[in-house]
Amino acid sequence: MRRIERQLVDEYRESINAALGLLSEKNLAEVRRLAELPDAVRGYEGVKLVTVERYRADKARILRELQENADPESTGAGRRS
């Protein structure tokens, strides 16, 4: 369980860094929801494992939505070299 908890810290940092790179006024609420997701990871052993899976699924969904709805300017996709 401790190993998973340590992984979650790294996953959280990575997801927040990715979201901050896509942050805009339009998606502020979604980025905030992403930042608050770890609050739902609670419980002991089996219960916590279920909440970890839910956290990871929600995190992946929110990040995917942020990337799909990102302004091309913020992602670099619209830039020319």
PDB file of N, CA and C in Angstrom:
ATOM      1  N   MET A   1       0.820  -1.185   0.000  1.00  0.00           N
ATOM      2  CA  MET A   1       0.000   0.000   0.000  1.00  0.00           C
ATOM      3  C   MET A   1       0.872   1.259   0.000  1.00  0.00           C
ATOM      4  N   ARG A   2       1.957   1.236   0.733  1.00  0.00           N
ATOM      5  CA  ARG A   2       2.837   2.411   0.797  1.00  0.00           C
ATOM      6  C   ARG A   2       3.433   2.726  -0.577  1.00  0.00           C
ATOM      7  N   ARG A   3       3.754   1.684  -1.322  1.00  0.00           N
ATOM      8  CA  ARG A   3       4.320   1.883  -2.660  1.00  0.00           C
ATOM      9  C   ARG A   3       3.305   2.596  -3.554  1.00  0.00           C
ATOM     10  N   ILE A   4       2.065   2.188  -3.478  1.00  0.00           N
ATOM     11  CA  ILE A   4       0.999   2.826  -4.261  1.00  0.00           C
ATOM     12  C   ILE A   4       0.837   4.279  -3.842  1.00  0.00           C
ATOM     13  N   GLU A   5       0.865   4.536  -2.560  1.00  0.00           N
ATOM     14  CA  GLU A   5       0.724   5.902  -2.069  1.00  0.00           C
ATOM     15  C   GLU A   5       1.864   6.787  -2.574  1.00  0.00           C
ATOM     16  N   ARG A   6       3.087   6.249  -2.623  1.00  0.00           N
ATOM     17  CA  ARG A   6       4.215   7.021  -3.148  1.00  0.00           C
ATOM     18  C   ARG A   6       4.046   7.271  -4.649  1.00  0.00           C
ATOM     19  N   GLN A   7       3.535   6.276  -5.364  1.00  0.00           N
ATOM     20  CA  GLN A   7       3.280   6.445  -6.799  1.00  0.00           C
ATOM     21  C   GLN A   7       2.247   7.535  -7.032  1.00  0.00           C
ATOM     22  N   LEU A   8       1.240   7.576  -6.184  1.00  0.00           N
ATOM     23  CA  LEU A   8       0.185   8.570  -6.338  1.00  0.00           C
ATOM     24  C   LEU A   8       0.715   9.993  -6.240  1.00  0.00           C
ATOM     25  N   VAL A   9       1.683  10.207  -5.386  1.00  0.00           N
ATOM     26  CA  VAL A   9       2.276  11.540  -5.250  1.00  0.00           C
ATOM     27  C   VAL A   9       2.919  11.950  -6.569  1.00  0.00           C
ATOM     28  N   ASP A  10       3.703  11.060  -7.158  1.00  0.00           N
ATOM     29  CA  ASP A  10       4.348  11.354  -8.438  1.00  0.00           C
ATOM     30  C   ASP A  10       3.315  11.545  -9.548  1.00  0.00           C
ATOM     31  N   GLU A  11       2.290  10.693  -9.578  1.00  0.00           N
ATOM     32  CA  GLU A  11       1.234  10.806 -10.586  1.00  0.00           C
ATOM     33  C   GLU A  11       0.519  12.147 -10.455  1.00  0.00           C
ATOM     34  N   TYR A  12       0.265  12.548  -9.239  1.00  0.00           N
ATOM     35  CA  TYR A  12      -0.425  13.812  -8.999  1.00  0.00           C
ATOM     36  C   TYR A  12       0.404  14.987  -9.514  1.00  0.00           C
ATOM     37  N   ARG A  13       1.674  14.988  -9.182  1.00  0.00           N
ATOM     38  CA  ARG A  13       2.557  16.069  -9.649  1.00  0.00           C
ATOM     39  C   ARG A  13       2.583  16.130 -11.169  1.00  0.00           C
ATOM     40  N   GLU A  14       2.713  14.985 -11.815  1.00  0.00           N
ATOM     41  CA  GLU A  14       2.757  14.939 -13.278  1.00  0.00           C
ATOM     42  C   GLU A  14       1.453  15.447 -13.880  1.00  0.00           C
ATOM     43  N   SER A  15       0.331  15.035 -13.315  1.00  0.00           N
ATOM     44  CA  SER A  15      -0.956  15.456 -13.869  1.00  0.00           C
ATOM     45  C   SER A  15      -1.181  16.954 -13.671  1.00  0.00           C
ATOM     46  N   ILE A  16      -0.784  17.489 -12.535  1.00  0.00           N
ATOM     47  CA  ILE A  16      -0.939  18.924 -12.291  1.00  0.00           C
ATOM     48  C   ILE A  16      -0.035  19.713 -13.225  1.00  0.00           C
ATOM     49  N   ASN A  17       1.187  19.268 -13.417  1.00  0.00           N
ATOM     50  CA  ASN A  17       2.086  19.957 -14.350  1.00  0.00           C
ATOM     51  C   ASN A  17       1.517  19.941 -15.764  1.00  0.00           C
ATOM     52  N   ALA A  18       0.966  18.815 -16.190  1.00  0.00           N
ATOM     53  CA  ALA A  18       0.356  18.723 -17.516  1.00  0.00           C
ATOM     54  C   ALA A  18      -0.845  19.660 -17.613  1.00  0.00           C
ATOM     55  N   ALA A  19      -1.671  19.684 -16.581  1.00  0.00           N
ATOM     56  CA  ALA A  19      -2.863  20.532 -16.595  1.00  0.00           C
ATOM     57  C   ALA A  19      -2.494  22.007 -16.585  1.00  0.00           C
ATOM     58  N   LEU A  20      -1.468  22.378 -15.843  1.00  0.00           N
ATOM     59  CA  LEU A  20      -1.056  23.777 -15.812  1.00  0.00           C
ATOM     60  C   LEU A  20      -0.571  24.247 -17.173  1.00  0.00           C
ATOM     61  N   GLY A  21       0.012  23.324 -17.941  1.00  0.00           N
ATOM     62  CA  GLY A  21       0.438  23.666 -19.289  1.00  0.00           C
ATOM     63  C   GLY A  21      -0.728  23.926 -20.228  1.00  0.00           C
ATOM     64  N   LEU A  22      -1.909  23.456 -19.855  1.00  0.00           N
ATOM     65  CA  LEU A  22      -3.110  23.628 -20.682  1.00  0.00           C
ATOM     66  C   LEU A  22      -4.100  24.618 -20.076  1.00  0.00           C
ATOM     67  N   LEU A  23      -3.752  25.185 -18.949  1.00  0.00           N
ATOM     68  CA  LEU A  23      -4.667  26.035 -18.195  1.00  0.00           C
ATOM     69  C   LEU A  23      -5.101  27.267 -18.984  1.00  0.00           C
ATOM     70  N   SER A  24      -6.395  27.521 -18.940  1.00  0.00           N
ATOM     71  CA  SER A  24      -6.963  28.729 -19.538  1.00  0.00           C
ATOM     72  C   SER A  24      -8.181  29.115 -18.698  1.00  0.00           C
ATOM     73  N   GLU A  25      -8.735  30.260 -19.010  1.00  0.00           N
ATOM     74  CA  GLU A  25      -9.943  30.688 -18.292  1.00  0.00           C
ATOM     75  C   GLU A  25     -11.090  29.710 -18.542  1.00  0.00           C
ATOM     76  N   LYS A  26     -11.130  29.124 -19.729  1.00  0.00           N
ATOM     77  CA  LYS A  26     -12.215  28.220 -20.106  1.00  0.00           C
ATOM     78  C   LYS A  26     -12.195  26.905 -19.330  1.00  0.00           C
ATOM     79  N   ASN A  27     -11.000  26.425 -18.971  1.00  0.00           N
ATOM     80  CA  ASN A  27     -10.918  25.105 -18.337  1.00  0.00           C
ATOM     81  C   ASN A  27     -10.494  25.160 -16.873  1.00  0.00           C
ATOM     82  N   LEU A  28     -10.574  26.318 -16.281  1.00  0.00           N
ATOM     83  CA  LEU A  28     -10.154  26.467 -14.887  1.00  0.00           C
ATOM     84  C   LEU A  28     -10.907  25.518 -13.959  1.00  0.00           C
ATOM     85  N   ALA A  29     -12.197  25.356 -14.169  1.00  0.00           N
ATOM     86  CA  ALA A  29     -12.998  24.472 -13.305  1.00  0.00           C
ATOM     87  C   ALA A  29     -12.531  23.018 -13.430  1.00  0.00           C
ATOM     88  N   GLU A  30     -12.202  22.598 -14.635  1.00  0.00           N
ATOM     89  CA  GLU A  30     -11.729  21.222 -14.838  1.00  0.00           C
ATOM     90  C   GLU A  30     -10.369  21.008 -14.173  1.00  0.00           C
ATOM     91  N   VAL A  31      -9.486  21.974 -14.306  1.00  0.00           N
ATOM     92  CA  VAL A  31      -8.166  21.857 -13.674  1.00  0.00           C
ATOM     93  C   VAL A  31      -8.327  21.814 -12.159  1.00  0.00           C
ATOM     94  N   ARG A  32      -9.245  22.594 -11.659  1.00  0.00           N
ATOM     95  CA  ARG A  32      -9.506  22.577 -10.211  1.00  0.00           C
ATOM     96  C   ARG A  32     -10.036  21.210  -9.778  1.00  0.00           C
ATOM     97  N   ARG A  33     -10.955  20.634 -10.560  1.00  0.00           N
ATOM     98  CA  ARG A  33     -11.468  19.291 -10.245  1.00  0.00           C
ATOM     99  C   ARG A  33     -10.332  18.276 -10.223  1.00  0.00           C
ATOM    100  N   LEU A  34      -9.417  18.391 -11.163  1.00  0.00           N
ATOM    101  CA  LEU A  34      -8.258  17.500 -11.195  1.00  0.00           C
ATOM    102  C   LEU A  34      -7.429  17.657  -9.925  1.00  0.00           C
ATOM    103  N   ALA A  35      -7.200  18.891  -9.534  1.00  0.00           N
ATOM    104  CA  ALA A  35      -6.390  19.162  -8.345  1.00  0.00           C
ATOM    105  C   ALA A  35      -7.037  18.621  -7.072  1.00  0.00           C
ATOM    106  N   GLU A  36      -8.361  18.550  -7.052  1.00  0.00           N
ATOM    107  CA  GLU A  36      -9.070  18.095  -5.856  1.00  0.00           C
ATOM    108  C   GLU A  36      -9.301  16.585  -5.818  1.00  0.00           C
ATOM    109  N   LEU A  37      -9.016  15.882  -6.894  1.00  0.00           N
ATOM    110  CA  LEU A  37      -9.273  14.438  -6.950  1.00  0.00           C
ATOM    111  C   LEU A  37      -8.656  13.631  -5.803  1.00  0.00           C
ATOM    112  N   PRO A  38      -7.429  13.916  -5.379  1.00  0.00           N
ATOM    113  CA  PRO A  38      -6.845  13.096  -4.308  1.00  0.00           C
ATOM    114  C   PRO A  38      -7.610  13.129  -2.997  1.00  0.00           C
ATOM    115  N   ASP A  39      -8.448  14.127  -2.800  1.00  0.00           N
ATOM    116  CA  ASP A  39      -9.245  14.190  -1.576  1.00  0.00           C
ATOM    117  C   ASP A  39     -10.166  12.984  -1.424  1.00  0.00           C
ATOM    118  N   ALA A  40     -10.489  12.338  -2.543  1.00  0.00           N
ATOM    119  CA  ALA A  40     -11.397  11.187  -2.507  1.00  0.00           C
ATOM    120  C   ALA A  40     -10.676   9.870  -2.222  1.00  0.00           C
ATOM    121  N   VAL A  41      -9.352   9.880  -2.221  1.00  0.00           N
ATOM    122  CA  VAL A  41      -8.584   8.649  -1.962  1.00  0.00           C
ATOM    123  C   VAL A  41      -8.503   8.469  -0.453  1.00  0.00           C
ATOM    124  N   ARG A  42      -9.344   7.567   0.028  1.00  0.00           N
ATOM    125  CA  ARG A  42      -9.441   7.331   1.477  1.00  0.00           C
ATOM    126  C   ARG A  42      -9.646   5.851   1.744  1.00  0.00           C
ATOM    127  N   GLY A  43      -9.591   5.514   3.002  1.00  0.00           N
ATOM    128  CA  GLY A  43      -9.893   4.159   3.419  1.00  0.00           C
ATOM    129  C   GLY A  43      -8.642   3.336   3.693  1.00  0.00           C
ATOM    130  N   TYR A  44      -8.882   2.089   4.017  1.00  0.00           N
ATOM    131  CA  TYR A  44      -7.806   1.154   4.313  1.00  0.00           C
ATOM    132  C   TYR A  44      -7.831   0.024   3.305  1.00  0.00           C
ATOM    133  N   GLU A  45      -6.657  -0.398   2.925  1.00  0.00           N
ATOM    134  CA  GLU A  45      -6.445  -1.562   2.050  1.00  0.00           C
ATOM    135  C   GLU A  45      -7.415  -1.638   0.879  1.00  0.00           C
ATOM    136  N   GLY A  46      -8.345  -2.580   0.909  1.00  0.00           N
ATOM    137  CA  GLY A  46      -9.238  -2.815  -0.218  1.00  0.00           C
ATOM    138  C   GLY A  46     -10.074  -1.610  -0.589  1.00  0.00           C
ATOM    139  N   VAL A  47     -10.552  -0.899   0.414  1.00  0.00           N
ATOM    140  CA  VAL A  47     -11.358   0.296   0.165  1.00  0.00           C
ATOM    141  C   VAL A  47     -10.504   1.354  -0.526  1.00  0.00           C
ATOM    142  N   LYS A  48      -9.294   1.534  -0.046  1.00  0.00           N
ATOM    143  CA  LYS A  48      -8.408   2.524  -0.641  1.00  0.00           C
ATOM    144  C   LYS A  48      -8.045   2.129  -2.064  1.00  0.00           C
ATOM    145  N   LEU A  49      -7.830   0.857  -2.320  1.00  0.00           N
ATOM    146  CA  LEU A  49      -7.509   0.410  -3.674  1.00  0.00           C
ATOM    147  C   LEU A  49      -8.632   0.761  -4.651  1.00  0.00           C
ATOM    148  N   VAL A  50      -9.870   0.632  -4.208  1.00  0.00           N
ATOM    149  CA  VAL A  50     -11.011   1.001  -5.052  1.00  0.00           C
ATOM    150  C   VAL A  50     -10.996   2.502  -5.324  1.00  0.00           C
ATOM    151  N   THR A  51     -10.734   3.305  -4.302  1.00  0.00           N
ATOM    152  CA  THR A  51     -10.720   4.752  -4.503  1.00  0.00           C
ATOM    153  C   THR A  51      -9.534   5.186  -5.356  1.00  0.00           C
ATOM    154  N   VAL A  52      -8.431   4.458  -5.273  1.00  0.00           N
ATOM    155  CA  VAL A  52      -7.265   4.751  -6.119  1.00  0.00           C
ATOM    156  C   VAL A  52      -7.613   4.493  -7.586  1.00  0.00           C
ATOM    157  N   GLU A  53      -8.286   3.401  -7.861  1.00  0.00           N
ATOM    158  CA  GLU A  53      -8.685   3.095  -9.238  1.00  0.00           C
ATOM    159  C   GLU A  53      -9.642   4.162  -9.764  1.00  0.00           C
ATOM    160  N   ARG A  54     -10.582   4.587  -8.943  1.00  0.00           N
ATOM    161  CA  ARG A  54     -11.518   5.641  -9.347  1.00  0.00           C
ATOM    162  C   ARG A  54     -10.759   6.937  -9.603  1.00  0.00           C
ATOM    163  N   TYR A  55      -9.801   7.264  -8.723  1.00  0.00           N
ATOM    164  CA  TYR A  55      -8.974   8.463  -8.892  1.00  0.00           C
ATOM    165  C   TYR A  55      -8.237   8.418 -10.222  1.00  0.00           C
ATOM    166  N   ARG A  56      -7.607   7.296 -10.511  1.00  0.00           N
ATOM    167  CA  ARG A  56      -6.835   7.172 -11.752  1.00  0.00           C
ATOM    168  C   ARG A  56      -7.727   7.274 -12.991  1.00  0.00           C
ATOM    169  N   ALA A  57      -8.898   6.689 -12.937  1.00  0.00           N
ATOM    170  CA  ALA A  57      -9.827   6.768 -14.071  1.00  0.00           C
ATOM    171  C   ALA A  57     -10.309   8.209 -14.262  1.00  0.00           C
ATOM    172  N   ASP A  58     -10.670   8.872 -13.178  1.00  0.00           N
ATOM    173  CA  ASP A  58     -11.131  10.263 -13.272  1.00  0.00           C
ATOM    174  C   ASP A  58     -10.004  11.169 -13.746  1.00  0.00           C
ATOM    175  N   LYS A  59      -8.801  10.945 -13.242  1.00  0.00           N
ATOM    176  CA  LYS A  59      -7.644  11.750 -13.640  1.00  0.00           C
ATOM    177  C   LYS A  59      -7.387  11.602 -15.132  1.00  0.00           C
ATOM    178  N   ALA A  60      -7.409  10.384 -15.630  1.00  0.00           N
ATOM    179  CA  ALA A  60      -7.170  10.139 -17.054  1.00  0.00           C
ATOM    180  C   ALA A  60      -8.251  10.801 -17.905  1.00  0.00           C
ATOM    181  N   ARG A  61      -9.500  10.717 -17.462  1.00  0.00           N
ATOM    182  CA  ARG A  61     -10.606  11.313 -18.209  1.00  0.00           C
ATOM    183  C   ARG A  61     -10.477  12.833 -18.263  1.00  0.00           C
ATOM    184  N   ILE A  62     -10.182  13.444 -17.133  1.00  0.00           N
ATOM    185  CA  ILE A  62     -10.057  14.901 -17.096  1.00  0.00           C
ATOM    186  C   ILE A  62      -8.884  15.361 -17.942  1.00  0.00           C
ATOM    187  N   LEU A  63      -7.740  14.692 -17.835  1.00  0.00           N
ATOM    188  CA  LEU A  63      -6.584  15.076 -18.644  1.00  0.00           C
ATOM    189  C   LEU A  63      -6.872  14.920 -20.133  1.00  0.00           C
ATOM    190  N   ARG A  64      -7.561  13.862 -20.494  1.00  0.00           N
ATOM    191  CA  ARG A  64      -7.918  13.641 -21.898  1.00  0.00           C
ATOM    192  C   ARG A  64      -8.825  14.771 -22.384  1.00  0.00           C
ATOM    193  N   GLU A  65      -9.821  15.132 -21.574  1.00  0.00           N
ATOM    194  CA  GLU A  65     -10.723  16.221 -21.946  1.00  0.00           C
ATOM    195  C   GLU A  65      -9.977  17.546 -22.065  1.00  0.00           C
ATOM    196  N   LEU A  66      -9.055  17.802 -21.157  1.00  0.00           N
ATOM    197  CA  LEU A  66      -8.268  19.033 -21.227  1.00  0.00           C
ATOM    198  C   LEU A  66      -7.452  19.081 -22.519  1.00  0.00           C
ATOM    199  N   GLN A  67      -6.843  17.959 -22.878  1.00  0.00           N
ATOM    200  CA  GLN A  67      -6.032  17.918 -24.099  1.00  0.00           C
ATOM    201  C   GLN A  67      -6.895  18.054 -25.347  1.00  0.00           C
ATOM    202  N   GLU A  68      -8.051  17.404 -25.348  1.00  0.00           N
ATOM    203  CA  GLU A  68      -8.942  17.469 -26.513  1.00  0.00           C
ATOM    204  C   GLU A  68      -9.498  18.876 -26.719  1.00  0.00           C
ATOM    205  N   ASN A  69      -9.731  19.590 -25.636  1.00  0.00           N
ATOM    206  CA  ASN A  69     -10.332  20.920 -25.718  1.00  0.00           C
ATOM    207  C   ASN A  69      -9.316  22.046 -25.636  1.00  0.00           C
ATOM    208  N   ALA A  70      -8.021  21.691 -25.667  1.00  0.00           N
ATOM    209  CA  ALA A  70      -6.969  22.693 -25.509  1.00  0.00           C
ATOM    210  C   ALA A  70      -6.902  23.615 -26.711  1.00  0.00           C
ATOM    211  N   ASP A  71      -6.584  24.839 -26.440  1.00  0.00           N
ATOM    212  CA  ASP A  71      -6.337  25.832 -27.474  1.00  0.00           C
ATOM    213  C   ASP A  71      -5.043  25.435 -28.179  1.00  0.00           C
ATOM    214  N   PRO A  72      -5.038  25.339 -29.517  1.00  0.00           N
ATOM    215  CA  PRO A  72      -3.800  24.964 -30.228  1.00  0.00           C
ATOM    216  C   PRO A  72      -2.614  25.840 -29.882  1.00  0.00           C
ATOM    217  N   GLU A  73      -2.858  27.081 -29.545  1.00  0.00           N
ATOM    218  CA  GLU A  73      -1.762  27.980 -29.164  1.00  0.00           C
ATOM    219  C   GLU A  73      -1.076  27.507 -27.890  1.00  0.00           C
ATOM    220  N   SER A  74      -1.861  26.998 -26.930  1.00  0.00           N
ATOM    221  CA  SER A  74      -1.272  26.596 -25.651  1.00  0.00           C
ATOM    222  C   SER A  74      -0.541  25.273 -25.740  1.00  0.00           C
ATOM    223  N   THR A  75      -0.912  24.424 -26.705  1.00  0.00           N
ATOM    224  CA  THR A  75      -0.255  23.120 -26.831  1.00  0.00           C
ATOM    225  C   THR A  75       0.923  23.150 -27.777  1.00  0.00           C
ATOM    226  N   GLY A  76       1.053  24.234 -28.527  1.00  0.00           N
ATOM    227  CA  GLY A  76       2.143  24.305 -29.492  1.00  0.00           C
ATOM    228  C   GLY A  76       1.765  23.733 -30.842  1.00  0.00           C
ATOM    229  N   ALA A  77       0.558  23.158 -30.961  1.00  0.00           N
ATOM    230  CA  ALA A  77       0.138  22.542 -32.214  1.00  0.00           C
ATOM    231  C   ALA A  77      -0.080  23.569 -33.309  1.00  0.00           C
ATOM    232  N   GLY A  78      -0.398  24.795 -32.934  1.00  0.00           N
ATOM    233  CA  GLY A  78      -0.657  25.816 -33.921  1.00  0.00           C
ATOM    234  C   GLY A  78       0.551  26.658 -34.247  1.00  0.00           C
ATOM    235  N   ARG A  79       1.672  26.340 -33.687  1.00  0.00           N
ATOM    236  CA  ARG A  79       2.878  27.151 -33.894  1.00  0.00           C
ATOM    237  C   ARG A  79       3.707  26.626 -35.050  1.00  0.00           C
ATOM    238  N   ARG A  80       4.320  27.563 -35.743  1.00  0.00           N
ATOM    239  CA  ARG A  80       5.216  27.186 -36.839  1.00  0.00           C
ATOM    240  C   ARG A  80       6.642  27.514 -36.455  1.00  0.00           C
ATOM    241  N   SER A  81       7.560  26.713 -36.937  1.00  0.00           N
ATOM    242  CA  SER A  81       8.978  26.947 -36.631  1.00  0.00           C
ATOM    243  C   SER A  81       9.601  27.865 -37.636  1.00  0.00           C
TER     244      SER A  81
END
